[in-house]
């Protein structure tokens, strides 16, 4: 079980070789006026488009938690993105206030090390979980929870004219990240979903997190999510999940939650952390 209470899945003892090489990244000035000289705080240079294909401005929604994976996923694609809109699912009362502040600290760190504009939406996901928790079979909580998160991101993405959605999933790492569950979860959005860490194991992700300086922020103490069931479904069928969702009235709550989401610009991160 990880720090957010989600049940972790056993991994094989394979040694993967697809980690990002960061030790030789060049010093360069970013479009935000930052000079990235320290390896642990170095933004990858922006990718150049082929001469026959002019590079377009890219805006991406990214699900950001206070955990280890999502900051690494965001960083790994930052060379392809000009503007990030982070979406954080505030799970209170199923977690505590520390989880929110830890996430803002990570967002602030990412703003310092990536060459892209940054802001974050705080979405009152705990309100949705409170509504769902007594209406659904407990074993499907994680899948339904993730589908709601993608719905938030999709609606905010439409507002922000986003081109893609970034997630920190790693195949089989936790119950909601099995191949079957990923397929079931993704059906709620039409926007492309990017999972740059899908083939990474946990040690590879931790290694990158340490290099970019987000690891120590991701392991700050906070309460685990108490909504996570003891035996979550790992092979949720889409037809089953759709039947469950047909029996629960979530659309008005979804609209209310997204409509009241708090948007925080990077320049205001410090004041929020100090509250």
Protein backbone atom coordinates (compact mmCIF):
# COMPACT_ATOMS: atom_id res chain seq x y z
CA UNK A 1 0.00 0.00 0.00
CA UNK A 2 1.40 3.42 -0.95
CA UNK A 3 1.23 6.71 1.01
CA UNK A 4 -2.13 7.52 -0.60
CA UNK A 5 -3.61 4.25 0.62
CA UNK A 6 -3.83 2.59 -2.79
CA UNK A 7 -2.91 -1.09 -2.82
CA UNK A 8 0.35 -1.69 -4.65
CA UNK A 9 0.72 -4.58 -7.04
CA UNK A 10 3.65 -7.03 -7.06
CA UNK A 11 6.26 -6.32 -9.73
CA UNK A 12 8.68 -8.68 -11.41
CA UNK A 13 12.37 -8.44 -10.67
CA UNK A 14 13.20 -7.09 -14.14
CA UNK A 15 15.80 -4.43 -14.68
CA UNK A 16 14.49 -1.83 -17.11
CA UNK A 17 16.76 0.39 -19.16
CA UNK A 18 14.39 3.10 -20.29
CA UNK A 19 15.26 5.66 -17.61
CA UNK A 20 15.80 9.28 -18.56
CA UNK A 21 19.47 10.26 -18.74
CA UNK A 22 19.76 13.56 -16.91
CA UNK A 23 23.36 13.88 -15.80
CA UNK A 24 24.54 15.57 -19.00
CA UNK A 25 21.68 17.97 -19.63
CA UNK A 26 23.00 21.34 -20.84
CA UNK A 27 22.83 24.63 -19.01
CA UNK A 28 20.42 26.93 -20.79
CA UNK A 29 18.22 29.94 -20.23
CA UNK A 30 14.50 29.25 -20.26
CA UNK A 31 11.67 31.29 -21.69
CA UNK A 32 10.71 32.13 -18.10
CA UNK A 33 14.06 33.82 -17.57
CA UNK A 34 15.54 31.06 -15.42
CA UNK A 35 19.08 29.79 -15.78
CA UNK A 36 19.05 26.06 -15.08
CA UNK A 37 22.58 25.13 -14.07
CA UNK A 38 22.16 22.53 -11.31
CA UNK A 39 21.54 18.96 -12.45
CA UNK A 40 18.75 18.36 -9.92
CA UNK A 41 17.02 21.55 -11.07
CA UNK A 42 17.61 21.28 -14.81
CA UNK A 43 14.84 21.62 -17.37
CA UNK A 44 15.21 19.50 -20.49
CA UNK A 45 15.65 21.67 -23.60
CA UNK A 46 12.58 22.16 -25.75
CA UNK A 47 12.23 19.69 -28.61
CA UNK A 48 12.77 21.08 -32.07
CA UNK A 49 10.19 20.21 -34.73
CA UNK A 50 11.37 18.96 -38.14
CA UNK A 51 11.87 21.74 -40.68
CA UNK A 52 8.78 20.65 -42.62
CA UNK A 53 6.61 20.71 -39.47
CA UNK A 54 6.44 24.00 -37.54
CA UNK A 55 6.34 23.44 -33.78
CA UNK A 56 2.97 24.30 -32.27
CA UNK A 57 2.31 25.74 -28.82
CA UNK A 58 1.17 22.88 -26.58
CA UNK A 59 -0.97 23.12 -23.45
CA UNK A 60 -1.35 20.03 -21.31
CA UNK A 61 -3.56 19.12 -18.39
CA UNK A 62 -1.71 17.00 -15.82
CA UNK A 63 -3.10 15.14 -12.84
CA UNK A 64 -0.80 16.08 -9.97
CA UNK A 65 -0.76 14.43 -6.55
CA UNK A 66 1.66 14.74 -3.65
CA UNK A 67 3.14 11.35 -4.54
CA UNK A 68 6.34 10.43 -6.36
CA UNK A 69 5.11 9.49 -9.83
CA UNK A 70 3.07 12.38 -11.24
CA UNK A 71 5.78 15.06 -10.80
CA UNK A 72 8.25 12.83 -12.66
CA UNK A 73 5.73 12.25 -15.47
CA UNK A 74 5.20 15.99 -15.82
CA UNK A 75 8.93 16.70 -15.85
CA UNK A 76 9.62 14.00 -18.41
CA UNK A 77 7.28 15.61 -20.95
CA UNK A 78 8.10 19.22 -20.12
CA UNK A 79 10.31 19.57 -23.19
CA UNK A 80 7.18 19.04 -25.32
CA UNK A 81 4.82 21.36 -23.42
CA UNK A 82 4.62 25.16 -23.28
CA UNK A 83 1.92 25.49 -20.64
CA UNK A 84 0.89 23.10 -17.85
CA UNK A 85 -2.46 23.12 -16.11
CA UNK A 86 -2.16 20.88 -13.06
CA UNK A 87 -5.32 19.35 -11.63
CA UNK A 88 -5.20 18.10 -8.06
CA UNK A 89 -7.99 16.01 -6.55
CA UNK A 90 -8.47 17.26 -2.99
CA UNK A 91 -9.55 14.11 -1.15
CA UNK A 92 -10.44 15.72 2.15
CA UNK A 93 -12.08 14.49 4.40
CA UNK A 94 -10.49 11.18 3.33
CA UNK A 95 -7.02 12.77 3.68
CA UNK A 96 -5.75 15.77 5.64
CA UNK A 97 -4.66 19.37 4.99
CA UNK A 98 -0.99 18.38 4.70
CA UNK A 99 -1.64 16.56 1.44
CA UNK A 100 -2.84 19.78 -0.22
CA UNK A 101 0.14 21.84 0.94
CA UNK A 102 2.57 19.10 -0.08
CA UNK A 103 1.08 19.11 -3.57
CA UNK A 104 1.45 22.89 -3.85
CA UNK A 105 5.08 22.55 -2.76
CA UNK A 106 5.63 20.07 -5.57
CA UNK A 107 3.87 22.35 -8.06
CA UNK A 108 6.16 25.17 -6.95
CA UNK A 109 9.22 22.97 -7.43
CA UNK A 110 8.07 21.95 -10.89
CA UNK A 111 7.55 25.60 -11.80
CA UNK A 112 11.17 26.21 -10.83
CA UNK A 113 12.65 23.39 -12.90
CA UNK A 114 10.56 23.22 -16.08
CA UNK A 115 10.51 25.66 -18.96
CA UNK A 116 6.74 26.11 -19.17
CA UNK A 117 4.00 28.24 -17.69
CA UNK A 118 2.29 26.60 -14.70
CA UNK A 119 -0.91 26.88 -12.71
CA UNK A 120 -2.98 24.45 -10.66
CA UNK A 121 -6.66 23.73 -10.09
CA UNK A 122 -7.72 22.30 -6.73
CA UNK A 123 -10.79 20.14 -7.21
CA UNK A 124 -12.97 19.10 -4.24
CA UNK A 125 -12.85 15.41 -5.04
CA UNK A 126 -13.69 14.51 -1.44
CA UNK A 127 -17.22 15.78 -2.07
CA UNK A 128 -17.61 13.29 -4.91
CA UNK A 129 -16.13 10.44 -2.86
CA UNK A 130 -18.48 11.23 0.01
CA UNK A 131 -21.40 10.94 -2.41
CA UNK A 132 -20.18 7.71 -4.00
CA UNK A 133 -18.80 5.78 -1.07
CA UNK A 134 -22.12 4.33 0.16
CA UNK A 135 -23.65 3.87 -3.30
CA UNK A 136 -21.05 1.71 -5.03
CA UNK A 137 -19.50 -1.73 -4.46
CA UNK A 138 -16.38 -1.01 -2.42
CA UNK A 139 -14.06 -2.99 -4.69
CA UNK A 140 -14.71 -0.58 -7.57
CA UNK A 141 -13.91 2.57 -5.58
CA UNK A 142 -10.45 3.14 -7.12
CA UNK A 143 -11.63 2.73 -10.71
CA UNK A 144 -14.65 4.99 -10.25
CA UNK A 145 -12.49 7.47 -8.36
CA UNK A 146 -10.00 7.64 -11.24
CA UNK A 147 -12.76 7.98 -13.84
CA UNK A 148 -14.06 11.01 -11.95
CA UNK A 149 -10.55 12.52 -11.86
CA UNK A 150 -10.29 12.16 -15.62
CA UNK A 151 -13.68 13.80 -16.01
CA UNK A 152 -12.49 16.80 -13.96
CA UNK A 153 -9.35 17.02 -16.08
CA UNK A 154 -11.32 16.73 -19.31
CA UNK A 155 -13.75 19.53 -18.39
CA UNK A 156 -10.96 21.81 -17.18
CA UNK A 157 -8.98 20.88 -20.28
CA UNK A 158 -11.83 22.06 -22.48
CA UNK A 159 -11.84 25.37 -20.63
CA UNK A 160 -8.07 25.72 -20.99
CA UNK A 161 -7.93 24.47 -24.61
CA UNK A 162 -5.62 21.64 -23.59
CA UNK A 163 -4.09 19.32 -26.17
CA UNK A 164 -3.40 16.32 -23.93
CA UNK A 165 -3.69 14.87 -20.44
CA UNK A 166 -0.60 13.64 -18.58
CA UNK A 167 -0.77 10.97 -15.86
CA UNK A 168 1.90 9.31 -13.73
CA UNK A 169 0.65 5.74 -14.11
CA UNK A 170 3.13 2.87 -14.21
CA UNK A 171 1.71 -0.41 -15.50
CA UNK A 172 0.67 -2.71 -12.66
CA UNK A 173 2.12 -0.56 -9.88
CA UNK A 174 -1.22 -0.16 -8.09
CA UNK A 175 -4.68 -1.64 -8.49
CA UNK A 176 -6.05 1.13 -10.73
CA UNK A 177 -3.08 0.80 -13.08
CA UNK A 178 -3.59 -2.70 -14.42
CA UNK A 179 -4.06 -2.87 -18.18
CA UNK A 180 -7.76 -3.73 -17.88
CA UNK A 181 -8.44 -0.91 -15.42
CA UNK A 182 -6.51 1.65 -17.46
CA UNK A 183 -8.62 0.74 -20.48
CA UNK A 184 -11.83 1.09 -18.44
CA UNK A 185 -10.74 4.39 -16.89
CA UNK A 186 -9.68 6.02 -20.17
CA UNK A 187 -13.10 5.60 -21.79
CA UNK A 188 -14.48 8.74 -20.10
CA UNK A 189 -12.27 11.18 -22.05
CA UNK A 190 -11.59 11.93 -25.70
CA UNK A 191 -8.46 13.98 -25.09
CA UNK A 192 -5.20 12.02 -25.65
CA UNK A 193 -3.92 10.51 -22.40
CA UNK A 194 -0.13 10.41 -22.08
CA UNK A 195 1.56 8.08 -19.58
CA UNK A 196 5.32 8.60 -19.96
CA UNK A 197 6.13 6.31 -17.02
CA UNK A 198 4.02 3.37 -18.16
CA UNK A 199 7.02 1.03 -18.58
CA UNK A 200 9.11 2.30 -15.66
CA UNK A 201 9.48 0.42 -12.39
CA UNK A 202 9.31 2.21 -9.05
CA UNK A 203 13.06 2.37 -8.51
CA UNK A 204 13.57 4.10 -11.86
CA UNK A 205 10.89 6.67 -11.01
CA UNK A 206 12.37 7.29 -7.56
CA UNK A 207 15.80 7.77 -9.10
CA UNK A 208 14.51 10.48 -11.44
CA UNK A 209 12.51 12.12 -8.64
CA UNK A 210 15.69 12.41 -6.60
CA UNK A 211 17.60 13.92 -9.52
CA UNK A 212 15.00 16.60 -10.20
CA UNK A 213 14.46 17.43 -6.53
CA UNK A 214 10.84 16.35 -6.03
CA UNK A 215 11.42 13.13 -4.09
CA UNK A 216 11.85 14.69 -0.63
CA UNK A 217 8.67 16.70 -1.15
CA UNK A 218 6.74 13.61 -2.24
CA UNK A 219 7.58 11.71 0.93
CA UNK A 220 6.51 14.45 3.34
CA UNK A 221 4.01 13.04 5.86
CA UNK A 222 0.26 13.13 5.19
CA UNK A 223 -2.66 10.83 5.91
CA UNK A 224 -3.37 7.94 3.56
CA UNK A 225 -6.68 8.02 1.70
CA UNK A 226 -9.23 6.20 3.86
CA UNK A 227 -11.62 5.58 0.95
CA UNK A 228 -9.39 2.87 -0.54
CA UNK A 229 -10.90 -0.63 -0.15
CA UNK A 230 -8.91 -3.54 1.22
CA UNK A 231 -9.46 -5.60 -1.93
CA UNK A 232 -9.79 -3.28 -4.95
CA UNK A 233 -10.82 -4.65 -8.32
CA UNK A 234 -7.91 -5.16 -10.71
CA UNK A 235 -9.95 -6.21 -13.76
CA UNK A 236 -12.99 -3.95 -13.81
CA UNK A 237 -15.16 -4.46 -16.88
CA UNK A 238 -16.32 -1.30 -18.64
CA UNK A 239 -19.89 -2.62 -18.87
CA UNK A 240 -19.99 -3.19 -15.11
CA UNK A 241 -18.66 0.28 -14.31
CA UNK A 242 -21.15 1.90 -16.71
CA UNK A 243 -24.01 0.06 -15.01
CA UNK A 244 -22.86 1.31 -11.61
CA UNK A 245 -22.54 4.88 -12.86
CA UNK A 246 -26.05 4.74 -14.34
CA UNK A 247 -27.40 4.06 -10.85
CA UNK A 248 -25.67 7.00 -9.16
CA UNK A 249 -26.43 10.67 -9.70
CA UNK A 250 -23.00 12.17 -10.15
CA UNK A 251 -23.33 14.61 -13.06
CA UNK A 252 -24.71 17.59 -11.12
CA UNK A 253 -22.05 17.12 -8.43
CA UNK A 254 -19.37 16.81 -11.10
CA UNK A 255 -20.48 20.09 -12.68
CA UNK A 256 -20.59 21.80 -9.28
CA UNK A 257 -17.12 20.55 -8.30
CA UNK A 258 -15.47 21.65 -11.53
CA UNK A 259 -17.30 24.98 -11.50
CA UNK A 260 -16.05 25.77 -8.00
CA UNK A 261 -12.47 24.50 -8.52
CA UNK A 262 -9.86 26.91 -7.16
CA UNK A 263 -7.27 28.07 -9.69
CA UNK A 264 -3.87 29.13 -8.33
CA UNK A 265 -1.18 30.75 -10.46
CA UNK A 266 2.49 29.95 -9.87
CA UNK A 267 3.17 33.42 -8.43
CA UNK A 268 0.68 32.67 -5.63
CA UNK A 269 2.02 29.25 -4.61
CA UNK A 270 4.03 30.60 -1.67
CA UNK A 271 1.11 32.44 -0.11
CA UNK A 272 -1.01 29.31 -0.32
CA UNK A 273 1.67 27.14 1.31
CA UNK A 274 2.01 29.66 4.16
CA UNK A 275 -1.70 29.58 5.03
